[in-house]
Amino acid sequence: MACIKPRAALLLIWVIALIGAGCASNEKKTTPDTQIEASVDSSAPIELIPNPYFADQVKVPPAAETSFRNALVAMQSEDWNTAEKQLLDLQQKHPELSGPLVNLAIVYWHQEKPAEAENYFKQALALNPLNNDAYIQYGMFLREDGRFADAEATYLKALEVWPHNAAAHRNLGILYDLYMGKFDAAMKHYEMVLKLSSEPNKEVEGWIIDLKRRLAAG
């Protein structure tokens, strides 16, 4: 059975997340079975759809970048009170940026304040509906809260915004595979991750092998 670390990647949100780029995902480990192959033709040509976020960037002032970096350092140190203060100040000075809202949501999530966390996730997406990271993080939040249908809807919305969002395919595959029992759908999203990967992705190939093994046994 795979192992999920719900918030293992939450702090890896770089400065570009000030306005919503970046991706996040969970970890899921499998033991490969040499009897089964992940037979996905990931080399098949796919015409990549550009990330719409990059066509709608907001210029980030240098001072805001510095403030965001400082808040990120506090988050990485799990100094949630300092990070909260820095992000609130940044959000007040630059209300046009959705990234601080996403990170405030994460700060409150870690502080076990789910109502505040969800409020900031919703604010971020209302401010910037192209914020890829907001969808992924919010979906993870909803999944951890046991709201699987809401998490599914959030990931599907992310794919409406950008169909080639590999993080959304990855996390939706995990949701279907381990939480909702939609194994055929999970397989399709895992396979899409491989198609979108610029390099071989042994981890996801292992997930496909594991899923095929379970389907064959079931």
C-alpha atoms as a PDB file:
ATOM      1  CA  MET A   1       0.000   0.000   0.000  1.00  0.00           C
ATOM      2  CA  ALA A   2       1.275   3.430  -0.893  1.00  0.00           C
ATOM      3  CA  CYS A   3       2.325   5.968   1.710  1.00  0.00           C
ATOM      4  CA  ILE A   4       0.992   9.530   1.535  1.00  0.00           C
ATOM      5  CA  LYS A   5       2.683  12.493   3.169  1.00  0.00           C
ATOM      6  CA  PRO A   6      -0.080  15.111   2.914  1.00  0.00           C
ATOM      7  CA  ARG A   7       1.976  18.238   3.409  1.00  0.00           C
ATOM      8  CA  ALA A   8       5.463  17.067   2.497  1.00  0.00           C
ATOM      9  CA  ALA A   9       5.786  19.569  -0.345  1.00  0.00           C
ATOM     10  CA  LEU A  10       3.794  22.512   0.987  1.00  0.00           C
ATOM     11  CA  LEU A  11       6.797  24.659   1.820  1.00  0.00           C
ATOM     12  CA  LEU A  12       8.401  24.382  -1.609  1.00  0.00           C
ATOM     13  CA  ILE A  13       6.562  27.424  -2.932  1.00  0.00           C
ATOM     14  CA  TRP A  14       9.031  29.776  -4.505  1.00  0.00           C
ATOM     15  CA  VAL A  15       8.911  33.487  -5.207  1.00  0.00           C
ATOM     16  CA  ILE A  16       7.075  32.952  -8.472  1.00  0.00           C
ATOM     17  CA  ALA A  17       4.123  31.797  -6.353  1.00  0.00           C
ATOM     18  CA  LEU A  18       3.530  35.451  -5.503  1.00  0.00           C
ATOM     19  CA  ILE A  19       1.155  35.462  -8.448  1.00  0.00           C
ATOM     20  CA  GLY A  20       0.335  31.818  -8.692  1.00  0.00           C
ATOM     21  CA  ALA A  21       2.818  29.725 -10.657  1.00  0.00           C
ATOM     22  CA  GLY A  22       4.467  26.557  -9.493  1.00  0.00           C
ATOM     23  CA  CYS A  23       3.113  23.145  -8.583  1.00  0.00           C
ATOM     24  CA  ALA A  24       2.849  20.865  -5.636  1.00  0.00           C
ATOM     25  CA  SER A  25       2.241  17.205  -5.137  1.00  0.00           C
ATOM     26  CA  ASN A  26       2.145  14.359  -2.678  1.00  0.00           C
ATOM     27  CA  GLU A  27       4.542  11.473  -2.312  1.00  0.00           C
ATOM     28  CA  LYS A  28       3.404   7.927  -2.959  1.00  0.00           C
ATOM     29  CA  LYS A  29       5.761   4.961  -2.848  1.00  0.00           C
ATOM     30  CA  THR A  30       5.364   1.605  -4.517  1.00  0.00           C
ATOM     31  CA  THR A  31       7.424  -1.535  -4.914  1.00  0.00           C
ATOM     32  CA  PRO A  32       7.909  -2.250  -8.643  1.00  0.00           C
ATOM     33  CA  ASP A  33       6.874  -5.638  -9.944  1.00  0.00           C
ATOM     34  CA  THR A  34       9.117  -6.865 -12.734  1.00  0.00           C
ATOM     35  CA  GLN A  35       6.284  -9.084 -13.984  1.00  0.00           C
ATOM     36  CA  ILE A  36       4.192  -6.055 -14.985  1.00  0.00           C
ATOM     37  CA  GLU A  37       5.238  -3.160 -17.165  1.00  0.00           C
ATOM     38  CA  ALA A  38       4.002   0.407 -17.178  1.00  0.00           C
ATOM     39  CA  SER A  39       3.222   0.228 -20.851  1.00  0.00           C
ATOM     40  CA  VAL A  40       2.574   3.864 -21.568  1.00  0.00           C
ATOM     41  CA  ASP A  41       3.867   5.380 -24.773  1.00  0.00           C
ATOM     42  CA  SER A  42       5.071   8.568 -23.119  1.00  0.00           C
ATOM     43  CA  SER A  43       7.087   9.361 -26.225  1.00  0.00           C
ATOM     44  CA  ALA A  44       3.928   9.822 -28.279  1.00  0.00           C
ATOM     45  CA  PRO A  45       3.757  13.412 -29.504  1.00  0.00           C
ATOM     46  CA  ILE A  46       1.592  15.759 -27.519  1.00  0.00           C
ATOM     47  CA  GLU A  47       1.028  19.377 -28.441  1.00  0.00           C
ATOM     48  CA  LEU A  48       1.569  21.214 -25.189  1.00  0.00           C
ATOM     49  CA  ILE A  49      -0.917  23.894 -24.244  1.00  0.00           C
ATOM     50  CA  PRO A  50       0.884  26.940 -22.811  1.00  0.00           C
ATOM     51  CA  ASN A  51       0.314  27.707 -19.166  1.00  0.00           C
ATOM     52  CA  PRO A  52      -2.156  30.649 -19.198  1.00  0.00           C
ATOM     53  CA  TYR A  53      -0.586  32.002 -16.034  1.00  0.00           C
ATOM     54  CA  PHE A  54       2.481  33.099 -17.959  1.00  0.00           C
ATOM     55  CA  ALA A  55       0.343  35.165 -20.326  1.00  0.00           C
ATOM     56  CA  ASP A  56      -1.164  37.077 -17.413  1.00  0.00           C
ATOM     57  CA  GLN A  57       1.760  37.855 -15.140  1.00  0.00           C
ATOM     58  CA  VAL A  58       1.719  40.780 -12.774  1.00  0.00           C
ATOM     59  CA  LYS A  59       4.981  42.643 -12.328  1.00  0.00           C
ATOM     60  CA  VAL A  60       6.282  41.928  -8.832  1.00  0.00           C
ATOM     61  CA  PRO A  61       8.143  44.831  -7.184  1.00  0.00           C
ATOM     62  CA  PRO A  62      11.617  43.947  -5.851  1.00  0.00           C
ATOM     63  CA  ALA A  63      10.584  44.864  -2.315  1.00  0.00           C
ATOM     64  CA  ALA A  64       7.678  42.434  -2.517  1.00  0.00           C
ATOM     65  CA  GLU A  65      10.000  39.693  -3.729  1.00  0.00           C
ATOM     66  CA  THR A  66      12.278  40.273  -0.764  1.00  0.00           C
ATOM     67  CA  SER A  67       9.366  40.234   1.672  1.00  0.00           C
ATOM     68  CA  PHE A  68       8.070  37.033   0.163  1.00  0.00           C
ATOM     69  CA  ARG A  69      11.473  35.375   0.432  1.00  0.00           C
ATOM     70  CA  ASN A  70      11.637  36.335   4.098  1.00  0.00           C
ATOM     71  CA  ALA A  71       8.196  34.854   4.695  1.00  0.00           C
ATOM     72  CA  LEU A  72       9.243  31.687   2.887  1.00  0.00           C
ATOM     73  CA  VAL A  73      12.289  31.340   5.145  1.00  0.00           C
ATOM     74  CA  ALA A  74      10.004  31.631   8.170  1.00  0.00           C
ATOM     75  CA  MET A  75       7.678  28.979   6.709  1.00  0.00           C
ATOM     76  CA  GLN A  76      10.559  26.621   6.042  1.00  0.00           C
ATOM     77  CA  SER A  77      11.622  27.088   9.677  1.00  0.00           C
ATOM     78  CA  GLU A  78       8.017  26.445  10.756  1.00  0.00           C
ATOM     79  CA  ASP A  79       7.968  29.862  12.408  1.00  0.00           C
ATOM     80  CA  TRP A  80       4.305  30.255  11.592  1.00  0.00           C
ATOM     81  CA  ASN A  81       3.670  33.399  13.645  1.00  0.00           C
ATOM     82  CA  THR A  82       6.471  35.293  11.887  1.00  0.00           C
ATOM     83  CA  ALA A  83       5.387  34.024   8.486  1.00  0.00           C
ATOM     84  CA  GLU A  84       1.801  35.047   9.190  1.00  0.00           C
ATOM     85  CA  LYS A  85       2.797  38.599  10.129  1.00  0.00           C
ATOM     86  CA  GLN A  86       5.061  38.977   7.088  1.00  0.00           C
ATOM     87  CA  LEU A  87       2.474  37.619   4.678  1.00  0.00           C
ATOM     88  CA  LEU A  88      -0.339  39.747   6.103  1.00  0.00           C
ATOM     89  CA  ASP A  89       1.847  42.830   5.721  1.00  0.00           C
ATOM     90  CA  LEU A  90       2.738  41.826   2.169  1.00  0.00           C
ATOM     91  CA  GLN A  91      -0.893  41.196   1.294  1.00  0.00           C
ATOM     92  CA  GLN A  92      -1.923  44.606   2.637  1.00  0.00           C
ATOM     93  CA  LYS A  93       0.797  46.388   0.649  1.00  0.00           C
ATOM     94  CA  HIS A  94       0.214  44.371  -2.535  1.00  0.00           C
ATOM     95  CA  PRO A  95      -3.428  43.246  -2.642  1.00  0.00           C
ATOM     96  CA  GLU A  96      -3.082  42.524  -6.367  1.00  0.00           C
ATOM     97  CA  LEU A  97      -0.904  39.464  -5.656  1.00  0.00           C
ATOM     98  CA  SER A  98      -2.560  36.125  -4.958  1.00  0.00           C
ATOM     99  CA  GLY A  99       0.566  34.239  -3.891  1.00  0.00           C
ATOM    100  CA  PRO A 100       0.669  35.694  -0.366  1.00  0.00           C
ATOM    101  CA  LEU A 101      -2.942  34.578   0.067  1.00  0.00           C
ATOM    102  CA  VAL A 102      -2.043  31.002  -0.870  1.00  0.00           C
ATOM    103  CA  ASN A 103       0.811  30.991   1.603  1.00  0.00           C
ATOM    104  CA  LEU A 104      -1.351  32.507   4.319  1.00  0.00           C
ATOM    105  CA  ALA A 105      -3.746  29.625   3.733  1.00  0.00           C
ATOM    106  CA  ILE A 106      -0.864  27.187   4.167  1.00  0.00           C
ATOM    107  CA  VAL A 107       0.290  28.940   7.347  1.00  0.00           C
ATOM    108  CA  TYR A 108      -3.194  28.673   8.864  1.00  0.00           C
ATOM    109  CA  TRP A 109      -3.454  25.071   7.695  1.00  0.00           C
ATOM    110  CA  HIS A 110      -0.301  24.230   9.613  1.00  0.00           C
ATOM    111  CA  GLN A 111      -1.623  26.106  12.614  1.00  0.00           C
ATOM    112  CA  GLU A 112      -4.733  23.893  12.576  1.00  0.00           C
ATOM    113  CA  LYS A 113      -7.018  26.795  11.650  1.00  0.00           C
ATOM    114  CA  PRO A 114      -8.980  25.237   8.765  1.00  0.00           C
ATOM    115  CA  ALA A 115     -11.632  27.951   8.464  1.00  0.00           C
ATOM    116  CA  GLU A 116      -9.007  30.658   8.014  1.00  0.00           C
ATOM    117  CA  ALA A 117      -7.018  28.464   5.640  1.00  0.00           C
ATOM    118  CA  GLU A 118     -10.001  27.789   3.412  1.00  0.00           C
ATOM    119  CA  ASN A 119     -10.966  31.453   3.401  1.00  0.00           C
ATOM    120  CA  TYR A 120      -7.545  32.446   2.064  1.00  0.00           C
ATOM    121  CA  PHE A 121      -7.524  29.665  -0.534  1.00  0.00           C
ATOM    122  CA  LYS A 122     -10.850  30.969  -1.825  1.00  0.00           C
ATOM    123  CA  GLN A 123      -9.612  34.570  -1.795  1.00  0.00           C
ATOM    124  CA  ALA A 124      -6.531  33.599  -3.808  1.00  0.00           C
ATOM    125  CA  LEU A 125      -8.571  31.827  -6.468  1.00  0.00           C
ATOM    126  CA  ALA A 126     -11.083  34.667  -6.654  1.00  0.00           C
ATOM    127  CA  LEU A 127      -8.242  37.139  -7.152  1.00  0.00           C
ATOM    128  CA  ASN A 128      -6.359  35.033  -9.688  1.00  0.00           C
ATOM    129  CA  PRO A 129      -8.316  32.124 -11.235  1.00  0.00           C
ATOM    130  CA  LEU A 130      -5.150  31.169 -13.131  1.00  0.00           C
ATOM    131  CA  ASN A 131      -3.204  30.473  -9.931  1.00  0.00           C
ATOM    132  CA  ASN A 132      -2.119  26.879 -10.515  1.00  0.00           C
ATOM    133  CA  ASP A 133      -0.608  26.427  -7.076  1.00  0.00           C
ATOM    134  CA  ALA A 134      -3.761  27.624  -5.342  1.00  0.00           C
ATOM    135  CA  TYR A 135      -5.820  24.856  -6.959  1.00  0.00           C
ATOM    136  CA  ILE A 136      -3.289  22.177  -6.067  1.00  0.00           C
ATOM    137  CA  GLN A 137      -2.826  23.265  -2.463  1.00  0.00           C
ATOM    138  CA  TYR A 138      -6.555  23.777  -1.944  1.00  0.00           C
ATOM    139  CA  GLY A 139      -7.251  20.343  -3.399  1.00  0.00           C
ATOM    140  CA  MET A 140      -4.740  18.792  -0.994  1.00  0.00           C
ATOM    141  CA  PHE A 141      -6.354  20.681   1.893  1.00  0.00           C
ATOM    142  CA  LEU A 142      -9.802  19.396   0.927  1.00  0.00           C
ATOM    143  CA  ARG A 143      -8.545  15.855   0.515  1.00  0.00           C
ATOM    144  CA  GLU A 144      -6.878  15.894   3.925  1.00  0.00           C
ATOM    145  CA  ASP A 145     -10.175  17.159   5.356  1.00  0.00           C
ATOM    146  CA  GLY A 146     -11.932  14.128   3.881  1.00  0.00           C
ATOM    147  CA  ARG A 147     -13.887  16.195   1.344  1.00  0.00           C
ATOM    148  CA  PHE A 148     -12.961  14.048  -1.601  1.00  0.00           C
ATOM    149  CA  ALA A 149     -15.672  15.256  -3.988  1.00  0.00           C
ATOM    150  CA  ASP A 150     -14.673  18.872  -3.351  1.00  0.00           C
ATOM    151  CA  ALA A 151     -11.006  18.005  -3.872  1.00  0.00           C
ATOM    152  CA  GLU A 152     -11.916  16.286  -7.134  1.00  0.00           C
ATOM    153  CA  ALA A 153     -13.851  19.348  -8.314  1.00  0.00           C
ATOM    154  CA  THR A 154     -10.910  21.595  -7.451  1.00  0.00           C
ATOM    155  CA  TYR A 155      -8.411  19.501  -9.415  1.00  0.00           C
ATOM    156  CA  LEU A 156     -10.833  19.284 -12.357  1.00  0.00           C
ATOM    157  CA  LYS A 157     -11.177  23.073 -12.284  1.00  0.00           C
ATOM    158  CA  ALA A 158      -7.383  23.342 -12.383  1.00  0.00           C
ATOM    159  CA  LEU A 159      -7.416  21.194 -15.521  1.00  0.00           C
ATOM    160  CA  GLU A 160     -10.117  23.377 -17.074  1.00  0.00           C
ATOM    161  CA  VAL A 161      -7.802  26.341 -16.583  1.00  0.00           C
ATOM    162  CA  TRP A 162      -4.770  24.448 -17.885  1.00  0.00           C
ATOM    163  CA  PRO A 163      -5.297  20.903 -19.249  1.00  0.00           C
ATOM    164  CA  HIS A 164      -1.567  20.181 -19.140  1.00  0.00           C
ATOM    165  CA  ASN A 165      -1.136  20.905 -15.431  1.00  0.00           C
ATOM    166  CA  ALA A 166       0.960  17.860 -14.488  1.00  0.00           C
ATOM    167  CA  ALA A 167       0.562  18.489 -10.741  1.00  0.00           C
ATOM    168  CA  ALA A 168      -3.224  18.443 -11.089  1.00  0.00           C
ATOM    169  CA  HIS A 169      -3.095  15.177 -13.055  1.00  0.00           C
ATOM    170  CA  ARG A 170      -0.754  13.690 -10.461  1.00  0.00           C
ATOM    171  CA  ASN A 171      -2.837  14.656  -7.449  1.00  0.00           C
ATOM    172  CA  LEU A 172      -6.116  13.748  -9.127  1.00  0.00           C
ATOM    173  CA  GLY A 173      -4.660  10.335  -9.935  1.00  0.00           C
ATOM    174  CA  ILE A 174      -3.703   9.874  -6.274  1.00  0.00           C
ATOM    175  CA  LEU A 175      -7.170  10.968  -5.163  1.00  0.00           C
ATOM    176  CA  TYR A 176      -8.890   8.523  -7.506  1.00  0.00           C
ATOM    177  CA  ASP A 177      -6.473   5.706  -6.751  1.00  0.00           C
ATOM    178  CA  LEU A 178      -6.188   5.796  -2.974  1.00  0.00           C
ATOM    179  CA  TYR A 179      -9.276   7.658  -1.791  1.00  0.00           C
ATOM    180  CA  MET A 180     -12.137   7.255  -4.252  1.00  0.00           C
ATOM    181  CA  GLY A 181     -11.534   3.857  -5.830  1.00  0.00           C
ATOM    182  CA  LYS A 182     -11.804   5.214  -9.384  1.00  0.00           C
ATOM    183  CA  PHE A 183      -8.942   3.113 -10.675  1.00  0.00           C
ATOM    184  CA  ASP A 184      -9.498   3.509 -14.420  1.00  0.00           C
ATOM    185  CA  ALA A 185      -9.626   7.287 -14.021  1.00  0.00           C
ATOM    186  CA  ALA A 186      -6.519   7.195 -11.843  1.00  0.00           C
ATOM    187  CA  MET A 187      -4.663   5.269 -14.540  1.00  0.00           C
ATOM    188  CA  LYS A 188      -5.533   7.873 -17.165  1.00  0.00           C
ATOM    189  CA  HIS A 189      -4.193  10.699 -15.036  1.00  0.00           C
ATOM    190  CA  TYR A 190      -1.023   8.822 -14.127  1.00  0.00           C
ATOM    191  CA  GLU A 191      -0.447   8.142 -17.816  1.00  0.00           C
ATOM    192  CA  MET A 192      -0.984  11.817 -18.582  1.00  0.00           C
ATOM    193  CA  VAL A 193       1.711  12.704 -16.062  1.00  0.00           C
ATOM    194  CA  LEU A 194       4.133  10.505 -18.001  1.00  0.00           C
ATOM    195  CA  LYS A 195       3.161  12.136 -21.269  1.00  0.00           C
ATOM    196  CA  LEU A 196       3.793  15.575 -19.785  1.00  0.00           C
ATOM    197  CA  SER A 197       7.135  14.605 -18.230  1.00  0.00           C
ATOM    198  CA  SER A 198      10.192  15.846 -20.086  1.00  0.00           C
ATOM    199  CA  GLU A 199      12.243  13.012 -18.546  1.00  0.00           C
ATOM    200  CA  PRO A 200      11.445   9.433 -17.479  1.00  0.00           C
ATOM    201  CA  ASN A 201       9.344   9.434 -14.318  1.00  0.00           C
ATOM    202  CA  LYS A 202      10.126   6.203 -12.489  1.00  0.00           C
ATOM    203  CA  GLU A 203       7.950   7.134  -9.545  1.00  0.00           C
ATOM    204  CA  VAL A 204       4.752   7.438 -11.564  1.00  0.00           C
ATOM    205  CA  GLU A 205       5.705   4.417 -13.645  1.00  0.00           C
ATOM    206  CA  GLY A 206       5.872   2.526 -10.346  1.00  0.00           C
ATOM    207  CA  TRP A 207       2.398   3.752  -9.403  1.00  0.00           C
ATOM    208  CA  ILE A 208       1.041   2.439 -12.706  1.00  0.00           C
ATOM    209  CA  ILE A 209       2.722  -0.924 -12.135  1.00  0.00           C
ATOM    210  CA  ASP A 210       1.274  -1.092  -8.632  1.00  0.00           C
ATOM    211  CA  LEU A 211      -2.206  -0.158  -9.833  1.00  0.00           C
ATOM    212  CA  LYS A 212      -2.100  -2.737 -12.625  1.00  0.00           C
ATOM    213  CA  ARG A 213      -1.025  -5.384 -10.136  1.00  0.00           C
ATOM    214  CA  ARG A 214      -3.891  -4.543  -7.782  1.00  0.00           C
ATOM    215  CA  LEU A 215      -6.411  -4.547 -10.632  1.00  0.00           C
ATOM    216  CA  ALA A 216      -5.139  -7.899 -11.832  1.00  0.00           C
ATOM    217  CA  ALA A 217      -5.442  -9.348  -8.330  1.00  0.00           C
ATOM    218  CA  GLY A 218      -8.834  -7.879  -7.669  1.00  0.00           C
END
